[in-house]
Protein backbone atom coordinates (compact mmCIF):
# COMPACT_ATOMS: atom_id res chain seq x y z
CA MET A 1 -6.70 -36.05 4.90
CA ASP A 2 -8.41 -32.84 6.04
CA LYS A 3 -7.44 -29.62 4.29
CA TYR A 4 -7.89 -26.02 5.33
CA CYS A 5 -7.95 -22.60 3.73
CA PHE A 6 -5.37 -20.71 5.79
CA SER A 7 -5.83 -16.93 5.54
CA LEU A 8 -3.23 -14.37 6.59
CA VAL A 9 -3.59 -10.59 6.73
CA CYS A 10 -0.39 -8.55 6.88
CA VAL A 11 0.79 -5.00 6.31
CA PRO A 12 2.32 -4.30 2.89
CA ASP A 13 5.80 -3.94 4.44
CA VAL A 14 5.72 -7.64 5.40
CA GLU A 15 4.20 -8.90 2.13
CA GLU A 16 7.38 -9.76 0.19
CA LYS A 17 9.03 -11.55 3.11
CA LEU A 18 5.83 -13.55 3.72
CA LEU A 19 5.40 -14.48 0.05
CA ASP A 20 9.07 -15.52 -0.20
CA ALA A 21 8.71 -17.69 2.91
CA LEU A 22 5.58 -19.38 1.53
CA LEU A 23 7.21 -19.96 -1.86
CA THR A 24 10.20 -21.55 -0.12
CA ALA A 25 8.29 -23.67 2.40
CA PHE A 26 5.29 -24.59 0.22
CA ASN A 27 6.67 -24.54 -3.32
CA GLU A 28 4.20 -27.21 -4.50
CA GLU A 29 1.13 -25.33 -3.24
CA VAL A 30 -0.79 -22.68 -5.13
CA PHE A 31 -1.66 -19.63 -3.05
CA THR A 32 -3.12 -16.20 -3.69
CA SER A 33 -2.35 -12.69 -2.47
CA THR A 34 -4.68 -9.74 -2.79
CA PRO A 35 -4.47 -6.10 -1.72
CA THR A 36 -7.21 -5.42 0.84
CA CYS A 37 -8.19 -3.13 3.68
CA SER A 38 -8.35 -4.31 7.26
CA HIS A 39 -10.66 -2.86 9.86
CA GLY A 40 -10.33 -3.05 13.62
CA THR A 41 -6.52 -2.89 13.49
CA ALA A 42 -4.92 -1.75 16.74
CA MET A 43 -4.73 2.05 16.75
CA GLY A 44 -0.99 2.01 17.47
CA ARG A 45 -0.42 0.30 14.12
CA LEU A 46 -2.37 2.83 12.05
CA SER A 47 -0.91 5.92 10.39
CA PRO A 48 -2.73 9.20 11.08
CA ALA A 49 -4.46 9.00 7.68
CA GLU A 50 -5.55 5.42 8.36
CA GLN A 51 -6.92 6.46 11.76
CA VAL A 52 -9.14 9.03 10.02
CA MET A 53 -10.30 6.49 7.39
CA GLY A 54 -10.83 3.74 9.99
CA ARG A 55 -9.00 1.14 7.91
CA SER A 56 -5.48 0.20 6.94
CA ARG A 57 -3.96 -1.07 3.73
CA SER A 58 -3.20 -4.74 4.04
CA VAL A 59 -2.52 -7.87 2.02
CA LEU A 60 -4.66 -11.00 2.23
CA VAL A 61 -2.83 -14.25 1.51
CA GLN A 62 -4.68 -17.57 1.26
CA ILE A 63 -3.13 -21.01 0.95
CA LEU A 64 -4.66 -24.49 1.07
CA VAL A 65 -2.87 -26.72 3.57
CA SER A 66 -3.19 -30.10 5.23
CA ASP A 67 -3.11 -30.37 9.02
CA PRO A 68 0.66 -31.16 9.10
CA GLU A 69 1.34 -28.28 6.68
CA MET A 70 -0.71 -25.96 8.89
CA GLN A 71 1.50 -26.88 11.86
CA THR A 72 4.58 -26.12 9.73
CA LEU A 73 3.07 -22.77 8.76
CA LEU A 74 2.31 -21.87 12.38
CA THR A 75 5.90 -22.67 13.34
CA LEU A 76 7.19 -20.56 10.45
CA LEU A 77 5.04 -17.62 11.56
CA ALA A 78 6.19 -17.91 15.18
CA ASP A 79 9.86 -18.21 14.24
CA ASP A 80 10.17 -15.73 11.37
CA PHE A 81 7.33 -13.23 11.81
CA ALA A 82 7.10 -12.54 15.54
CA GLY A 83 6.03 -8.96 16.21
CA THR A 84 4.79 -8.27 12.67
CA GLY A 85 1.11 -8.22 13.59
CA ILE A 86 0.12 -10.84 11.01
CA ARG A 87 -3.43 -12.02 11.70
CA TYR A 88 -4.47 -15.49 10.58
CA TRP A 89 -7.29 -18.01 10.66
CA ALA A 90 -8.04 -21.37 9.10
CA THR A 91 -11.35 -22.71 7.84
CA PRO A 92 -12.07 -26.33 6.88
CA LEU A 93 -12.13 -26.84 3.13
CA ALA A 94 -15.39 -28.31 1.82
CA LEU A 95 -14.29 -28.76 -1.78
CA GLU A 96 -11.17 -28.46 -3.87
CA GLY A 97 -10.57 -29.03 -7.55
CA GLU A 98 -9.06 -27.90 -10.81
CA VAL A 99 -10.79 -27.67 -14.17
CA ALA A 100 -8.52 -29.30 -16.71
């Protein structure tokens, strides 16, 4: 079964709701979240300070999913996060493992 690294970038105000949704829907999956800066964000979404800096504070969340799980995640985003400006992309996973 193909797996993907699904990456999401959201504003900090959406972080907790997104993490709660992922923990609920994908409680068996390990995922990461990291503070980051996003560039190229629509100007209407940037504060005046962020407009001067040319970047906005964001959170990057990454989760490994199968194709059916990715479809579930896309549905969750459409249903529960419409209008939040979450950006996402998926890349095929070449290798996965755990050192025991």
